[in-house]
Amino acid sequence: MSKKTKISRKELVELLNEDLSREYQAIIAYIIYSQTMKGAAYNHIAGELELHAAEELSHALLIAKQIDYLNGTPTQTPQKVKISDKAEEMLRFDLENETTTIRNYRQRIKQADALSEFALGEVLRKIIAQEQDHLLDLADALGIDAPKIEE
């Protein structure tokens, strides 16, 4: 993850492709976790994870469209998905991924604004709102406070 704010459009495309690969990862993880999570305690959250998968697909489409707008080519490769047979571990993996995603999108907004790509910044702000909802859902399911996201 780059903390540099002033970057080129080409660098922004590369970073957005990393973000897109993380969205693919989230889609895959949410699909797998929602279908393999077992136990009465997890029935509600499994249904919630199905909704998260659909929202992550929407995010991937939005990011791919922005990459295309910046004259880049959207990546086809997801980041590695962590798998477990323990529901709590799956939720912790998702919580970690959402935290990373929010942190990266906050940085991406600063980078987009520095390039006067304000529409991209607005798209990312809308995505972050949903990502924060996902983070809260996961923290609630784990019975913990939402983690503080450091820059």
Protein backbone atom coordinates (compact mmCIF):
# COMPACT_ATOMS: atom_id res chain seq x y z
CA MET A 1 0.00 0.00 0.00
CA SER A 2 1.36 3.38 -1.01
CA LYS A 3 1.08 6.24 1.45
CA LYS A 4 2.28 8.68 -1.20
CA THR A 5 -0.44 11.20 -2.07
CA LYS A 6 0.97 12.79 -5.22
CA ILE A 7 1.21 10.02 -7.79
CA SER A 8 0.82 9.68 -11.55
CA ARG A 9 -2.35 8.44 -13.26
CA LYS A 10 -0.44 5.27 -14.19
CA GLU A 11 0.47 4.65 -10.54
CA LEU A 12 -3.15 5.30 -9.57
CA VAL A 13 -4.31 2.66 -12.07
CA GLU A 14 -1.83 0.16 -10.60
CA LEU A 15 -3.09 0.84 -7.07
CA LEU A 16 -6.72 0.64 -8.17
CA ASN A 17 -5.96 -2.74 -9.73
CA GLU A 18 -4.62 -3.90 -6.35
CA ASP A 19 -7.88 -2.67 -4.83
CA LEU A 20 -9.85 -4.47 -7.54
CA SER A 21 -8.02 -7.73 -6.82
CA ARG A 22 -8.95 -7.29 -3.14
CA GLU A 23 -12.61 -6.79 -4.15
CA TYR A 24 -12.45 -10.05 -6.12
CA GLN A 25 -10.97 -11.70 -3.03
CA ALA A 26 -13.84 -10.37 -0.92
CA ILE A 27 -16.47 -11.66 -3.37
CA ILE A 28 -14.93 -15.14 -3.35
CA ALA A 29 -14.44 -15.18 0.42
CA TYR A 30 -17.99 -14.02 1.16
CA ILE A 31 -19.44 -16.62 -1.20
CA ILE A 32 -17.42 -19.45 0.34
CA TYR A 33 -17.88 -18.33 3.94
CA SER A 34 -21.63 -17.72 3.59
CA GLN A 35 -22.15 -21.22 2.27
CA THR A 36 -19.80 -23.15 4.54
CA MET A 37 -20.35 -21.45 7.90
CA LYS A 38 -22.04 -23.94 10.22
CA GLY A 39 -23.96 -23.59 13.47
CA ALA A 40 -27.09 -21.87 14.68
CA ALA A 41 -25.05 -18.96 16.03
CA TYR A 42 -23.91 -18.16 12.48
CA ASN A 43 -27.13 -18.57 10.47
CA HIS A 44 -27.92 -14.85 10.51
CA ILE A 45 -24.38 -13.73 9.68
CA ALA A 46 -24.14 -16.27 6.83
CA GLY A 47 -27.15 -14.58 5.21
CA GLU A 48 -25.53 -11.20 5.78
CA LEU A 49 -22.34 -12.41 4.10
CA GLU A 50 -24.36 -13.31 0.99
CA LEU A 51 -25.47 -9.67 0.82
CA HIS A 52 -21.88 -8.53 1.33
CA ALA A 53 -20.81 -10.65 -1.68
CA ALA A 54 -23.30 -8.82 -3.91
CA GLU A 55 -22.14 -5.43 -2.62
CA GLU A 56 -18.48 -6.36 -3.21
CA LEU A 57 -19.37 -7.28 -6.80
CA SER A 58 -20.88 -3.82 -7.18
CA HIS A 59 -17.65 -2.30 -5.80
CA ALA A 60 -15.55 -4.34 -8.24
CA LEU A 61 -17.62 -3.06 -11.16
CA LEU A 62 -17.27 0.54 -9.98
CA ILE A 63 -13.50 0.21 -9.55
CA ALA A 64 -13.11 -1.51 -12.95
CA LYS A 65 -15.06 1.34 -14.58
CA GLN A 66 -12.75 3.91 -12.98
CA ILE A 67 -9.67 1.97 -14.12
CA ASP A 68 -11.05 1.98 -17.66
CA TYR A 69 -11.78 5.72 -17.41
CA LEU A 70 -8.12 6.27 -16.47
CA ASN A 71 -7.15 4.29 -19.63
CA GLY A 72 -6.04 1.24 -17.68
CA THR A 73 -7.07 -2.41 -17.98
CA PRO A 74 -8.83 -3.99 -15.00
CA THR A 75 -6.95 -6.91 -13.47
CA GLN A 76 -8.34 -10.42 -13.63
CA THR A 77 -6.53 -11.81 -10.60
CA PRO A 78 -7.96 -11.95 -7.08
CA GLN A 79 -5.77 -11.76 -4.03
CA LYS A 80 -5.43 -15.03 -2.11
CA VAL A 81 -8.49 -16.07 -0.12
CA LYS A 82 -7.87 -17.45 3.35
CA ILE A 83 -9.95 -20.54 4.11
CA SER A 84 -10.88 -22.10 7.44
CA ASP A 85 -13.41 -24.61 8.71
CA LYS A 86 -13.95 -22.44 11.80
CA ALA A 87 -16.64 -19.78 11.48
CA GLU A 88 -14.94 -17.36 13.86
CA GLU A 89 -11.69 -17.53 11.88
CA MET A 90 -13.59 -16.81 8.67
CA LEU A 91 -15.14 -13.73 10.27
CA ARG A 92 -11.74 -12.57 11.51
CA PHE A 93 -10.26 -12.98 8.01
CA ASP A 94 -13.10 -10.85 6.63
CA LEU A 95 -12.65 -8.23 9.35
CA GLU A 96 -8.94 -7.98 8.53
CA ASN A 97 -9.70 -7.65 4.80
CA GLU A 98 -12.33 -4.94 5.35
CA THR A 99 -9.93 -3.00 7.57
CA THR A 100 -7.24 -3.12 4.88
CA THR A 101 -9.72 -2.13 2.18
CA ILE A 102 -10.98 0.90 4.10
CA ARG A 103 -7.42 2.02 4.88
CA ASN A 104 -6.44 1.72 1.21
CA TYR A 105 -9.53 3.51 -0.09
CA ARG A 106 -8.92 6.41 2.30
CA GLN A 107 -5.46 6.76 0.77
CA ARG A 108 -6.83 6.32 -2.75
CA ILE A 109 -9.29 9.20 -2.18
CA LYS A 110 -6.40 11.51 -1.23
CA GLN A 111 -4.48 10.38 -4.30
CA ALA A 112 -7.48 10.87 -6.60
CA ASP A 113 -8.15 14.33 -5.17
CA ALA A 114 -4.47 15.29 -5.64
CA LEU A 115 -4.90 14.43 -9.35
CA SER A 116 -8.21 16.36 -9.50
CA GLU A 117 -10.02 13.06 -10.15
CA PHE A 118 -12.90 14.13 -7.92
CA ALA A 119 -15.45 11.73 -9.42
CA LEU A 120 -13.20 8.80 -8.47
CA GLY A 121 -12.98 10.19 -4.94
CA GLU A 122 -16.76 10.33 -4.74
CA VAL A 123 -17.11 6.74 -6.00
CA LEU A 124 -14.63 5.59 -3.35
CA ARG A 125 -16.43 7.51 -0.60
CA LYS A 126 -19.65 5.64 -1.41
CA ILE A 127 -17.80 2.33 -1.40
CA ILE A 128 -16.18 3.12 1.96
CA ALA A 129 -19.60 3.70 3.51
CA GLN A 130 -20.60 0.13 2.59
CA GLU A 131 -17.23 -1.28 3.61
CA GLN A 132 -17.64 0.32 7.04
CA ASP A 133 -21.08 -1.30 7.33
CA HIS A 134 -19.46 -4.66 6.52
CA LEU A 135 -16.79 -4.03 9.15
CA LEU A 136 -19.44 -3.25 11.77
CA ASP A 137 -21.46 -6.35 10.85
CA LEU A 138 -18.37 -8.52 11.24
CA ALA A 139 -17.30 -6.91 14.52
CA ASP A 140 -20.86 -7.36 15.87
CA ALA A 141 -20.87 -11.02 14.81
CA LEU A 142 -17.57 -11.50 16.65
CA GLY A 143 -18.86 -9.63 19.70
CA ILE A 144 -16.07 -7.03 19.54
CA ASP A 145 -15.75 -3.31 18.94
CA ALA A 146 -14.98 -2.23 15.41
CA PRO A 147 -11.21 -1.95 15.02
CA LYS A 148 -9.66 1.49 14.76
CA ILE A 149 -8.24 1.97 11.30
CA GLU A 150 -4.83 3.62 11.36
CA GLU A 151 -3.62 5.51 8.32
